Structures are given as structure tokens and as C-alpha cells.
Amino acid sequence: MNKNRLEAFSDGVLAIIITIMVLEIKVPHGHDWATLKPLLPVLFSYVISFLLIGIYWGNHHHLLHAVKQVTPGMLWANLHLLFWLSLVPVATGWMGENHFAPATVILYAILLIVCGQAYAILQHCILRTMDKDNPLLIAIKKQDRKVLASFILSLSAIPLAYVYYPISGLCLFLQSAIWLIPDRNIEKALNN
């Protein structure tokens, strides 16, 4: 299979995921600012998830840039990732509509961890086809701190959901936000 076909399919699925999330936000009935207040948890959960999906989209694009030929393992690993990402709108809606109740945050955090593991599997399938001295392979290995920080923040959100849910929501936001800072090593590797 051509990598362009895999990338186009993945882009389409990710676009649909974002569309589903935004369509779940209900228009408030009223004309003053106070009618927006009940929507704040829903909007915050949407922002977290939009960032998450956008970051996966960007990283997925960079990762597929290195693919020369799609293997069956890559295909299945990509579908595995898309499966877990497709559950993000459900977890997002549940968390937002229930004002970050502990069970909703826990489910969302677990889903983030599983999505991270699914991405790691896809990344492994792709990276093992590269030469050991490939600049992209070397650059991706330098992201281990970000990966660990993201995992710790998602994991921390679980017990913090029972202590004080705003902190747990902040952990979920930060686990995506740390990926907003572009990695210059990746950009350099892609330009070589």
C-alpha cells in the first residue's frame, strides 16, 4: 500500500473525530454571558481533546514522512491507534458534561495512556524499518522525556480526580500542551 493512501485515510478519520467533538457541544439557549457558564467544562474538555487530536495528527504526519513502503504491521498498528483515538469524543463528552467528575477523568486519563501506547506501537513498527543512523530515528528517541512527562501527567490525573478535579483537569491539559512546543530535532531530521 502507498503511504499517501494510509495518510489520507488517517487524516480523514482524525478530521471526523474533531468534527464529532465540536458537534457534541450544544448551543446555549439565552443571549447573555451567564448562559455560557454551564458550557465551560464542556468547552475545556473540548480544548484538551482538540489539542490531543491535533498533536497526534502532526506527529503522525511526521512519522509517516519517513515511511517508504507500508507494511501490514504498520497498517494494523495505525488502525489500532485510530480505534483508540476514535473513542476520544465519547470520553470528552462524558467528562465535560459531568464537570470532570472523578470517574470521567479516570476514563479519559486511561484513554490517553492507551492512545500513547498505541502510538508507540505504530512508531516502533515504522522505526524498525529505518537504518540505525537515520536522523528521524535519532530525533524521535530524544523525545523520551516528553513521553515520560506526558505519561506521568495522565497517570497523575487519576488519583487527583478524587482529590481536586481542577488539578486533574490541568494535568490532562498539560500532558497535551507539552507537545505544542515543536521539537527542533524532528524538524531538522525531516529537512535532511
N, C-alpha and C. Protein backbone atom coordinates (compact mmCIF):
# COMPACT_ATOMS: atom_id res chain seq x y z
N MET A 1 0.85 -1.18 0.00
CA MET A 1 0.00 0.00 0.00
C MET A 1 0.90 1.25 0.00
N ASN A 2 0.42 2.24 -0.68
CA ASN A 2 1.12 3.52 -0.76
C ASN A 2 0.90 4.29 0.54
N LYS A 3 1.95 4.95 1.05
CA LYS A 3 1.82 5.69 2.30
C LYS A 3 0.86 6.87 2.17
N ASN A 4 0.70 7.41 0.97
CA ASN A 4 -0.24 8.53 0.78
C ASN A 4 -1.68 8.10 1.07
N ARG A 5 -1.98 6.86 0.71
CA ARG A 5 -3.33 6.35 0.97
C ARG A 5 -3.55 6.18 2.47
N LEU A 6 -2.56 5.66 3.17
CA LEU A 6 -2.65 5.50 4.62
C LEU A 6 -2.77 6.86 5.30
N GLU A 7 -1.99 7.82 4.84
CA GLU A 7 -2.03 9.16 5.44
C GLU A 7 -3.38 9.83 5.17
N ALA A 8 -3.90 9.70 3.98
CA ALA A 8 -5.20 10.31 3.65
C ALA A 8 -6.32 9.69 4.49
N PHE A 9 -6.29 8.37 4.65
CA PHE A 9 -7.30 7.70 5.46
C PHE A 9 -7.22 8.20 6.91
N SER A 10 -6.01 8.23 7.45
CA SER A 10 -5.81 8.67 8.83
C SER A 10 -6.24 10.12 9.01
N ASP A 11 -5.88 10.99 8.07
CA ASP A 11 -6.30 12.39 8.14
C ASP A 11 -7.81 12.51 8.16
N GLY A 12 -8.48 11.70 7.34
CA GLY A 12 -9.94 11.72 7.29
C GLY A 12 -10.56 11.29 8.61
N VAL A 13 -10.03 10.23 9.20
CA VAL A 13 -10.56 9.75 10.47
C VAL A 13 -10.35 10.80 11.56
N LEU A 14 -9.18 11.40 11.61
CA LEU A 14 -8.90 12.42 12.63
C LEU A 14 -9.79 13.65 12.44
N ALA A 15 -10.04 14.02 11.19
CA ALA A 15 -10.93 15.16 10.92
C ALA A 15 -12.35 14.85 11.38
N ILE A 16 -12.79 13.63 11.17
CA ILE A 16 -14.13 13.24 11.62
C ILE A 16 -14.22 13.25 13.13
N ILE A 17 -13.16 12.79 13.80
CA ILE A 17 -13.14 12.78 15.27
C ILE A 17 -13.32 14.20 15.80
N ILE A 18 -12.59 15.16 15.24
CA ILE A 18 -12.71 16.55 15.68
C ILE A 18 -14.11 17.09 15.38
N THR A 19 -14.64 16.75 14.23
CA THR A 19 -15.98 17.21 13.85
C THR A 19 -17.02 16.67 14.82
N ILE A 20 -16.93 15.39 15.17
CA ILE A 20 -17.88 14.81 16.12
C ILE A 20 -17.80 15.53 17.46
N MET A 21 -16.59 15.83 17.90
CA MET A 21 -16.44 16.50 19.19
C MET A 21 -17.11 17.87 19.20
N VAL A 22 -16.91 18.66 18.15
CA VAL A 22 -17.48 20.00 18.14
C VAL A 22 -19.00 19.95 17.97
N LEU A 23 -19.50 18.95 17.27
CA LEU A 23 -20.96 18.84 17.11
C LEU A 23 -21.66 18.42 18.39
N GLU A 24 -20.91 17.86 19.33
CA GLU A 24 -21.48 17.47 20.61
C GLU A 24 -21.68 18.66 21.55
N ILE A 25 -21.08 19.79 21.22
CA ILE A 25 -21.25 20.98 22.06
C ILE A 25 -22.60 21.61 21.70
N LYS A 26 -23.46 21.67 22.68
CA LYS A 26 -24.81 22.19 22.46
C LYS A 26 -24.82 23.70 22.54
N VAL A 27 -25.57 24.32 21.66
CA VAL A 27 -25.71 25.78 21.65
C VAL A 27 -26.56 26.18 22.85
N PRO A 28 -26.08 27.14 23.65
CA PRO A 28 -26.85 27.55 24.83
C PRO A 28 -28.10 28.33 24.41
N HIS A 29 -29.13 28.18 25.22
CA HIS A 29 -30.38 28.92 24.97
C HIS A 29 -30.39 30.14 25.87
N GLY A 30 -30.15 31.26 25.28
CA GLY A 30 -30.08 32.51 26.02
C GLY A 30 -29.18 33.47 25.26
N HIS A 31 -29.21 34.71 25.69
CA HIS A 31 -28.47 35.72 24.95
C HIS A 31 -27.45 36.47 25.78
N ASP A 32 -27.27 36.08 27.04
CA ASP A 32 -26.29 36.78 27.86
C ASP A 32 -25.12 35.84 28.20
N TRP A 33 -24.07 36.43 28.77
CA TRP A 33 -22.85 35.68 29.06
C TRP A 33 -23.08 34.58 30.08
N ALA A 34 -24.03 34.76 30.95
CA ALA A 34 -24.30 33.78 32.00
C ALA A 34 -24.73 32.43 31.43
N THR A 35 -25.32 32.44 30.24
CA THR A 35 -25.75 31.17 29.64
C THR A 35 -24.57 30.32 29.18
N LEU A 36 -23.40 30.95 29.07
CA LEU A 36 -22.21 30.19 28.67
C LEU A 36 -21.54 29.47 29.84
N LYS A 37 -21.82 29.93 31.06
CA LYS A 37 -21.13 29.36 32.23
C LYS A 37 -21.30 27.85 32.35
N PRO A 38 -22.48 27.29 32.16
CA PRO A 38 -22.60 25.83 32.26
C PRO A 38 -21.81 25.08 31.16
N LEU A 39 -21.47 25.78 30.09
CA LEU A 39 -20.72 25.15 29.00
C LEU A 39 -19.21 25.12 29.22
N LEU A 40 -18.72 25.83 30.23
CA LEU A 40 -17.27 25.94 30.43
C LEU A 40 -16.58 24.58 30.58
N PRO A 41 -17.10 23.64 31.39
CA PRO A 41 -16.44 22.33 31.46
C PRO A 41 -16.45 21.60 30.12
N VAL A 42 -17.52 21.74 29.37
CA VAL A 42 -17.61 21.10 28.05
C VAL A 42 -16.59 21.71 27.11
N LEU A 43 -16.48 23.03 27.12
CA LEU A 43 -15.51 23.71 26.26
C LEU A 43 -14.08 23.38 26.65
N PHE A 44 -13.82 23.30 27.96
CA PHE A 44 -12.47 22.97 28.41
C PHE A 44 -12.09 21.54 27.99
N SER A 45 -13.03 20.61 28.14
CA SER A 45 -12.73 19.23 27.72
C SER A 45 -12.54 19.17 26.20
N TYR A 46 -13.28 19.99 25.46
CA TYR A 46 -13.10 20.04 24.01
C TYR A 46 -11.72 20.58 23.65
N VAL A 47 -11.28 21.64 24.34
CA VAL A 47 -9.96 22.21 24.06
C VAL A 47 -8.87 21.17 24.31
N ILE A 48 -8.97 20.46 25.44
CA ILE A 48 -7.99 19.41 25.75
C ILE A 48 -7.96 18.37 24.63
N SER A 49 -9.12 17.92 24.22
CA SER A 49 -9.19 16.87 23.20
C SER A 49 -8.80 17.37 21.82
N PHE A 50 -9.15 18.60 21.51
CA PHE A 50 -8.75 19.17 20.22
C PHE A 50 -7.23 19.22 20.14
N LEU A 51 -6.60 19.69 21.21
CA LEU A 51 -5.13 19.72 21.25
C LEU A 51 -4.57 18.31 21.09
N LEU A 52 -5.14 17.37 21.81
CA LEU A 52 -4.68 15.99 21.75
C LEU A 52 -4.73 15.44 20.33
N ILE A 53 -5.87 15.57 19.69
CA ILE A 53 -6.04 15.05 18.32
C ILE A 53 -5.12 15.81 17.36
N GLY A 54 -5.03 17.12 17.51
CA GLY A 54 -4.15 17.90 16.65
C GLY A 54 -2.70 17.49 16.78
N ILE A 55 -2.27 17.21 17.99
CA ILE A 55 -0.89 16.80 18.21
C ILE A 55 -0.65 15.42 17.62
N TYR A 56 -1.58 14.52 17.82
CA TYR A 56 -1.44 13.19 17.20
C TYR A 56 -1.39 13.32 15.68
N TRP A 57 -2.20 14.21 15.13
CA TRP A 57 -2.20 14.40 13.67
C TRP A 57 -0.82 14.88 13.19
N GLY A 58 -0.27 15.88 13.87
CA GLY A 58 1.04 16.41 13.47
C GLY A 58 2.14 15.38 13.62
N ASN A 59 2.16 14.69 14.75
CA ASN A 59 3.19 13.67 14.97
C ASN A 59 3.04 12.50 14.00
N HIS A 60 1.81 12.15 13.72
CA HIS A 60 1.52 11.07 12.76
C HIS A 60 2.06 11.46 11.38
N HIS A 61 1.84 12.71 11.01
CA HIS A 61 2.33 13.21 9.72
C HIS A 61 3.85 13.11 9.66
N HIS A 62 4.52 13.55 10.72
CA HIS A 62 5.99 13.48 10.75
C HIS A 62 6.48 12.04 10.70
N LEU A 63 5.79 11.18 11.40
CA LEU A 63 6.20 9.77 11.44
C LEU A 63 6.04 9.12 10.07
N LEU A 64 4.93 9.39 9.41
CA LEU A 64 4.69 8.79 8.10
C LEU A 64 5.60 9.37 7.03
N HIS A 65 6.17 10.53 7.30
CA HIS A 65 7.10 11.14 6.36
C HIS A 65 8.29 10.21 6.10
N ALA A 66 8.65 9.42 7.10
CA ALA A 66 9.81 8.53 7.00
C ALA A 66 9.49 7.19 6.34
N VAL A 67 8.22 6.90 6.14
CA VAL A 67 7.84 5.60 5.59
C VAL A 67 8.09 5.55 4.09
N LYS A 68 8.74 4.50 3.68
CA LYS A 68 8.97 4.29 2.24
C LYS A 68 7.90 3.35 1.67
N GLN A 69 7.62 2.28 2.41
CA GLN A 69 6.61 1.31 1.99
C GLN A 69 5.83 0.88 3.22
N VAL A 70 4.52 0.88 3.13
CA VAL A 70 3.66 0.49 4.25
C VAL A 70 3.66 -1.03 4.37
N THR A 71 3.95 -1.50 5.57
CA THR A 71 3.92 -2.94 5.83
C THR A 71 2.57 -3.29 6.46
N PRO A 72 2.19 -4.58 6.44
CA PRO A 72 0.94 -4.96 7.12
C PRO A 72 0.96 -4.61 8.61
N GLY A 73 2.13 -4.72 9.27
CA GLY A 73 2.22 -4.34 10.68
C GLY A 73 1.92 -2.87 10.90
N MET A 74 2.42 -2.03 10.01
CA MET A 74 2.14 -0.59 10.10
C MET A 74 0.65 -0.32 9.92
N LEU A 75 0.06 -1.01 8.98
CA LEU A 75 -1.36 -0.82 8.69
C LEU A 75 -2.20 -1.15 9.92
N TRP A 76 -1.92 -2.29 10.53
CA TRP A 76 -2.70 -2.71 11.70
C TRP A 76 -2.40 -1.84 12.92
N ALA A 77 -1.15 -1.44 13.07
CA ALA A 77 -0.80 -0.55 14.19
C ALA A 77 -1.49 0.80 14.02
N ASN A 78 -1.59 1.29 12.79
CA ASN A 78 -2.27 2.55 12.52
C ASN A 78 -3.76 2.44 12.83
N LEU A 79 -4.38 1.34 12.43
CA LEU A 79 -5.80 1.12 12.73
C LEU A 79 -6.02 1.01 14.24
N HIS A 80 -5.09 0.37 14.91
CA HIS A 80 -5.16 0.25 16.37
C HIS A 80 -5.15 1.64 17.01
N LEU A 81 -4.26 2.51 16.56
CA LEU A 81 -4.21 3.88 17.07
C LEU A 81 -5.51 4.62 16.77
N LEU A 82 -5.97 4.54 15.54
CA LEU A 82 -7.20 5.24 15.16
C LEU A 82 -8.41 4.75 15.95
N PHE A 83 -8.43 3.46 16.27
CA PHE A 83 -9.53 2.93 17.08
C PHE A 83 -9.60 3.65 18.42
N TRP A 84 -8.46 3.73 19.12
CA TRP A 84 -8.46 4.36 20.44
C TRP A 84 -8.74 5.85 20.34
N LEU A 85 -8.17 6.50 19.33
CA LEU A 85 -8.44 7.93 19.15
C LEU A 85 -9.92 8.19 18.84
N SER A 86 -10.56 7.25 18.17
CA SER A 86 -11.98 7.44 17.83
C SER A 86 -12.88 7.41 19.06
N LEU A 87 -12.36 6.92 20.18
CA LEU A 87 -13.13 6.92 21.43
C LEU A 87 -13.00 8.24 22.20
N VAL A 88 -12.09 9.09 21.78
CA VAL A 88 -11.86 10.37 22.46
C VAL A 88 -13.14 11.23 22.52
N PRO A 89 -13.94 11.33 21.45
CA PRO A 89 -15.16 12.15 21.57
C PRO A 89 -16.12 11.67 22.66
N VAL A 90 -16.22 10.37 22.85
CA VAL A 90 -17.12 9.84 23.88
C VAL A 90 -16.60 10.23 25.26
N ALA A 91 -15.31 10.00 25.49
CA ALA A 91 -14.72 10.35 26.79
C ALA A 91 -14.75 11.86 27.02
N THR A 92 -14.53 12.62 25.96
CA THR A 92 -14.55 14.09 26.06
C THR A 92 -15.94 14.57 26.47
N GLY A 93 -16.95 14.08 25.78
CA GLY A 93 -18.32 14.47 26.08
C GLY A 93 -18.74 14.09 27.49
N TRP A 94 -18.38 12.87 27.89
CA TRP A 94 -18.76 12.40 29.22
C TRP A 94 -18.09 13.24 30.31
N MET A 95 -16.81 13.53 30.11
CA MET A 95 -16.07 14.32 31.09
C MET A 95 -16.60 15.75 31.17
N GLY A 96 -16.84 16.37 30.02
CA GLY A 96 -17.31 17.76 30.01
C GLY A 96 -18.71 17.91 30.56
N GLU A 97 -19.61 17.02 30.16
CA GLU A 97 -21.00 17.13 30.61
C GLU A 97 -21.16 16.82 32.09
N ASN A 98 -20.22 16.09 32.65
CA ASN A 98 -20.29 15.75 34.07
C ASN A 98 -19.29 16.53 34.91
N HIS A 99 -18.84 17.66 34.36
CA HIS A 99 -17.99 18.61 35.09
C HIS A 99 -16.77 17.96 35.73
N PHE A 100 -16.09 17.12 34.95
CA PHE A 100 -14.84 16.49 35.38
C PHE A 100 -15.01 15.65 36.64
N ALA A 101 -16.14 14.95 36.73
CA ALA A 101 -16.36 14.03 37.85
C ALA A 101 -15.25 12.98 37.85
N PRO A 102 -14.86 12.45 39.01
CA PRO A 102 -13.72 11.53 39.08
C PRO A 102 -13.75 10.38 38.09
N ALA A 103 -14.85 9.69 37.96
CA ALA A 103 -14.90 8.53 37.05
C ALA A 103 -14.66 8.95 35.60
N THR A 104 -15.15 10.12 35.23
CA THR A 104 -14.99 10.58 33.85
C THR A 104 -13.54 10.95 33.56
N VAL A 105 -12.89 11.58 34.54
CA VAL A 105 -11.48 11.94 34.38
C VAL A 105 -10.61 10.69 34.32
N ILE A 106 -10.94 9.72 35.16
CA ILE A 106 -10.18 8.46 35.17
C ILE A 106 -10.28 7.76 33.82
N LEU A 107 -11.49 7.67 33.29
CA LEU A 107 -11.66 7.04 31.97
C LEU A 107 -10.87 7.80 30.91
N TYR A 108 -10.95 9.12 30.94
CA TYR A 108 -10.25 9.93 29.95
C TYR A 108 -8.73 9.74 30.07
N ALA A 109 -8.23 9.78 31.29
CA ALA A 109 -6.79 9.61 31.51
C ALA A 109 -6.32 8.23 31.05
N ILE A 110 -7.10 7.21 31.34
CA ILE A 110 -6.75 5.85 30.88
C ILE A 110 -6.74 5.81 29.36
N LEU A 111 -7.72 6.46 28.74
CA LEU A 111 -7.76 6.50 27.28
C LEU A 111 -6.53 7.21 26.72
N LEU A 112 -6.09 8.28 27.35
CA LEU A 112 -4.87 8.97 26.90
C LEU A 112 -3.66 8.06 26.99
N ILE A 113 -3.57 7.31 28.07
CA ILE A 113 -2.45 6.38 28.24
C ILE A 113 -2.49 5.30 27.15
N VAL A 114 -3.66 4.78 26.88
CA VAL A 114 -3.80 3.73 25.86
C VAL A 114 -3.48 4.30 24.47
N CYS A 115 -3.93 5.52 24.20
CA CYS A 115 -3.60 6.16 22.91
C CYS A 115 -2.09 6.33 22.78
N GLY A 116 -1.44 6.73 23.85
CA GLY A 116 0.01 6.87 23.83
C GLY A 116 0.71 5.55 23.54
N GLN A 117 0.20 4.48 24.14
CA GLN A 117 0.78 3.16 23.89
C GLN A 117 0.54 2.72 22.45
N ALA A 118 -0.64 3.01 21.93
CA ALA A 118 -0.95 2.65 20.55
C ALA A 118 -0.05 3.41 19.58
N TYR A 119 0.21 4.68 19.88
CA TYR A 119 1.12 5.46 19.04
C TYR A 119 2.53 4.90 19.12
N ALA A 120 2.94 4.48 20.32
CA ALA A 120 4.28 3.90 20.50
C ALA A 120 4.43 2.62 19.67
N ILE A 121 3.37 1.84 19.58
CA ILE A 121 3.41 0.62 18.77
C ILE A 121 3.57 0.97 17.29
N LEU A 122 2.79 1.94 16.82
CA LEU A 122 2.91 2.38 15.43
C LEU A 122 4.31 2.93 15.17
N GLN A 123 4.79 3.74 16.08
CA GLN A 123 6.13 4.32 15.93
C GLN A 123 7.19 3.22 15.86
N HIS A 124 7.05 2.21 16.70
CA HIS A 124 8.00 1.09 16.69
C HIS A 124 7.97 0.36 15.35
N CYS A 125 6.77 0.12 14.83
CA CYS A 125 6.64 -0.56 13.53
C CYS A 125 7.33 0.21 12.42
N ILE A 126 7.24 1.53 12.49
CA ILE A 126 7.85 2.36 11.45
C ILE A 126 9.36 2.50 11.67
N LEU A 127 9.76 2.74 12.90
CA LEU A 127 11.17 2.99 13.18
C LEU A 127 12.04 1.75 12.96
N ARG A 128 11.47 0.58 13.13
CA ARG A 128 12.30 -0.62 12.94
C ARG A 128 12.62 -0.88 11.47
N THR A 129 11.97 -0.15 10.56
CA THR A 129 12.29 -0.29 9.13
C THR A 129 13.39 0.68 8.70
N MET A 130 13.83 1.54 9.62
CA MET A 130 14.84 2.57 9.29
C MET A 130 16.24 2.09 9.64
N ASP A 131 17.20 2.72 8.98
CA ASP A 131 18.60 2.50 9.34
C ASP A 131 18.85 3.09 10.72
N LYS A 132 19.79 2.51 11.45
CA LYS A 132 20.11 2.95 12.82
C LYS A 132 20.61 4.39 12.88
N ASP A 133 21.19 4.88 11.79
CA ASP A 133 21.72 6.24 11.79
C ASP A 133 20.78 7.25 11.12
N ASN A 134 19.53 6.86 10.90
CA ASN A 134 18.55 7.76 10.31
C ASN A 134 18.31 8.93 11.27
N PRO A 135 18.42 10.17 10.77
CA PRO A 135 18.25 11.35 11.65
C PRO A 135 16.88 11.39 12.35
N LEU A 136 15.82 10.93 11.68
CA LEU A 136 14.50 10.95 12.30
C LEU A 136 14.44 9.96 13.46
N LEU A 137 15.02 8.80 13.29
CA LEU A 137 15.07 7.80 14.35
C LEU A 137 15.78 8.36 15.57
N ILE A 138 16.90 9.00 15.35
CA ILE A 138 17.68 9.60 16.44
C ILE A 138 16.88 10.71 17.12
N ALA A 139 16.21 11.54 16.32
CA ALA A 139 15.43 12.66 16.87
C ALA A 139 14.25 12.16 17.71
N ILE A 140 13.59 11.13 17.24
CA ILE A 140 12.42 10.61 17.97
C ILE A 140 12.86 10.02 19.31
N LYS A 141 14.01 9.38 19.33
CA LYS A 141 14.49 8.81 20.59
C LYS A 141 14.81 9.90 21.61
N LYS A 142 15.06 11.12 21.16
CA LYS A 142 15.35 12.23 22.07
C LYS A 142 14.08 12.76 22.74
N GLN A 143 12.92 12.29 22.34
CA GLN A 143 11.66 12.76 22.91
C GLN A 143 11.24 11.95 24.13
N ASP A 144 12.10 11.08 24.62
CA ASP A 144 11.73 10.22 25.74
C ASP A 144 11.26 10.99 26.96
N ARG A 145 11.84 12.16 27.23
CA ARG A 145 11.43 12.96 28.39
C ARG A 145 9.99 13.45 28.24
N LYS A 146 9.65 13.90 27.04
CA LYS A 146 8.28 14.36 26.81
C LYS A 146 7.30 13.21 26.94
N VAL A 147 7.67 12.05 26.41
CA VAL A 147 6.80 10.88 26.50
C VAL A 147 6.57 10.51 27.97
N LEU A 148 7.64 10.49 28.75
CA LEU A 148 7.53 10.15 30.16
C LEU A 148 6.71 11.20 30.92
N ALA A 149 6.95 12.47 30.65
CA ALA A 149 6.19 13.54 31.31
C ALA A 149 4.70 13.43 30.98
N SER A 150 4.40 13.15 29.72
CA SER A 150 3.02 13.01 29.29
C SER A 150 2.34 11.84 30.01
N PHE A 151 3.06 10.73 30.12
CA PHE A 151 2.54 9.55 30.81
C PHE A 151 2.30 9.85 32.29
N ILE A 152 3.26 10.51 32.93
CA ILE A 152 3.14 10.82 34.36
C ILE A 152 1.98 11.78 34.61
N LEU A 153 1.81 12.77 33.75
CA LEU A 153 0.70 13.71 33.91
C LEU A 153 -0.66 13.00 33.76
N SER A 154 -0.76 12.12 32.76
CA SER A 154 -2.02 11.37 32.58
C SER A 154 -2.28 10.46 33.76
N LEU A 155 -1.25 9.78 34.21
CA LEU A 155 -1.38 8.88 35.35
C LEU A 155 -1.72 9.65 36.63
N SER A 156 -1.12 10.81 36.82
CA SER A 156 -1.38 11.64 38.00
C SER A 156 -2.81 12.15 38.04
N ALA A 157 -3.40 12.35 36.88
CA ALA A 157 -4.78 12.85 36.82
C ALA A 157 -5.75 11.86 37.46
N ILE A 158 -5.40 10.59 37.49
CA ILE A 158 -6.32 9.58 38.02
C ILE A 158 -6.54 9.76 39.53
N PRO A 159 -5.51 9.70 40.38
CA PRO A 159 -5.78 9.90 41.80
C PRO A 159 -6.20 11.34 42.13
N LEU A 160 -5.67 12.32 41.36
CA LEU A 160 -6.02 13.71 41.63
C LEU A 160 -7.49 14.00 41.34
N ALA A 161 -8.13 13.18 40.53
CA ALA A 161 -9.55 13.37 40.24
C ALA A 161 -10.38 13.23 41.51
N TYR A 162 -9.91 12.42 42.45
CA TYR A 162 -10.62 12.25 43.71
C TYR A 162 -10.26 13.32 44.73
N VAL A 163 -9.12 13.96 44.55
CA VAL A 163 -8.66 14.97 45.50
C VAL A 163 -9.25 16.34 45.14
N TYR A 164 -8.98 16.79 43.90
CA TYR A 164 -9.42 18.12 43.47
C TYR A 164 -9.45 18.11 41.94
N TYR A 165 -10.62 18.01 41.36
CA TYR A 165 -10.73 17.79 39.92
C TYR A 165 -10.11 18.90 39.05
N PRO A 166 -10.08 20.18 39.48
CA PRO A 166 -9.41 21.16 38.61
C PRO A 166 -7.93 20.85 38.37
N ILE A 167 -7.25 20.31 39.39
CA ILE A 167 -5.84 19.96 39.21
C ILE A 167 -5.72 18.79 38.25
N SER A 168 -6.63 17.86 38.36
CA SER A 168 -6.59 16.72 37.44
C SER A 168 -6.88 17.17 36.01
N GLY A 169 -7.79 18.11 35.84
CA GLY A 169 -8.05 18.67 34.51
C GLY A 169 -6.83 19.41 33.97
N LEU A 170 -6.13 20.10 34.87
CA LEU A 170 -4.90 20.79 34.47
C LEU A 170 -3.84 19.79 34.02
N CYS A 171 -3.72 18.68 34.73
CA CYS A 171 -2.77 17.62 34.32
C CYS A 171 -3.09 17.13 32.91
N LEU A 172 -4.36 16.92 32.64
CA LEU A 172 -4.76 16.45 31.31
C LEU A 172 -4.44 17.48 30.24
N PHE A 173 -4.65 18.75 30.57
CA PHE A 173 -4.32 19.82 29.63
C PHE A 173 -2.81 19.87 29.40
N LEU A 174 -2.05 19.83 30.47
CA LEU A 174 -0.59 19.93 30.36
C LEU A 174 0.03 18.77 29.60
N GLN A 175 -0.56 17.58 29.73
CA GLN A 175 0.02 16.44 29.03
C GLN A 175 -0.06 16.63 27.52
N SER A 176 -1.01 17.39 27.04
CA SER A 176 -1.07 17.73 25.62
C SER A 176 -0.24 18.98 25.32
N ALA A 177 -0.31 19.94 26.22
CA ALA A 177 0.36 21.24 25.98
C ALA A 177 1.87 21.09 25.83
N ILE A 178 2.47 20.13 26.52
CA ILE A 178 3.93 19.98 26.41
C ILE A 178 4.34 19.58 25.00
N TRP A 179 3.41 19.03 24.25
CA TRP A 179 3.71 18.63 22.87
C TRP A 179 3.54 19.79 21.88
N LEU A 180 3.01 20.92 22.35
CA LEU A 180 2.84 22.08 21.47
C LEU A 180 4.17 22.73 21.11
N ILE A 181 5.15 22.57 21.97
CA ILE A 181 6.47 23.14 21.70
C ILE A 181 7.14 22.26 20.65
N PRO A 182 7.39 22.80 19.47
CA PRO A 182 7.95 21.97 18.40
C PRO A 182 9.35 21.47 18.76
N ASP A 183 9.62 20.27 18.35
CA ASP A 183 10.93 19.67 18.58
C ASP A 183 11.82 19.99 17.38
N ARG A 184 12.82 20.81 17.61
CA ARG A 184 13.71 21.22 16.51
C ARG A 184 14.48 20.03 15.93
N ASN A 185 14.73 19.01 16.74
CA ASN A 185 15.42 17.83 16.23
C ASN A 185 14.59 17.12 15.15
N ILE A 186 13.29 17.05 15.36
CA ILE A 186 12.41 16.42 14.37
C ILE A 186 12.42 17.23 13.09
N GLU A 187 12.27 18.55 13.22
CA GLU A 187 12.27 19.41 12.02
C GLU A 187 13.57 19.29 11.24
N LYS A 188 14.69 19.28 11.96
CA LYS A 188 15.99 19.13 11.29
C LYS A 188 16.08 17.80 10.56
N ALA A 189 15.62 16.74 11.23
CA ALA A 189 15.68 15.40 10.63
C ALA A 189 14.81 15.31 9.39
N LEU A 190 13.65 15.96 9.41
CA LEU A 190 12.76 15.92 8.25
C LEU A 190 13.31 16.72 7.08
N ASN A 191 14.09 17.73 7.37
CA ASN A 191 14.66 18.56 6.31
C ASN A 191 15.90 17.95 5.67
N ASN A 192 16.45 16.91 6.29
CA ASN A 192 17.63 16.23 5.72
C ASN A 192 17.25 15.27 4.61
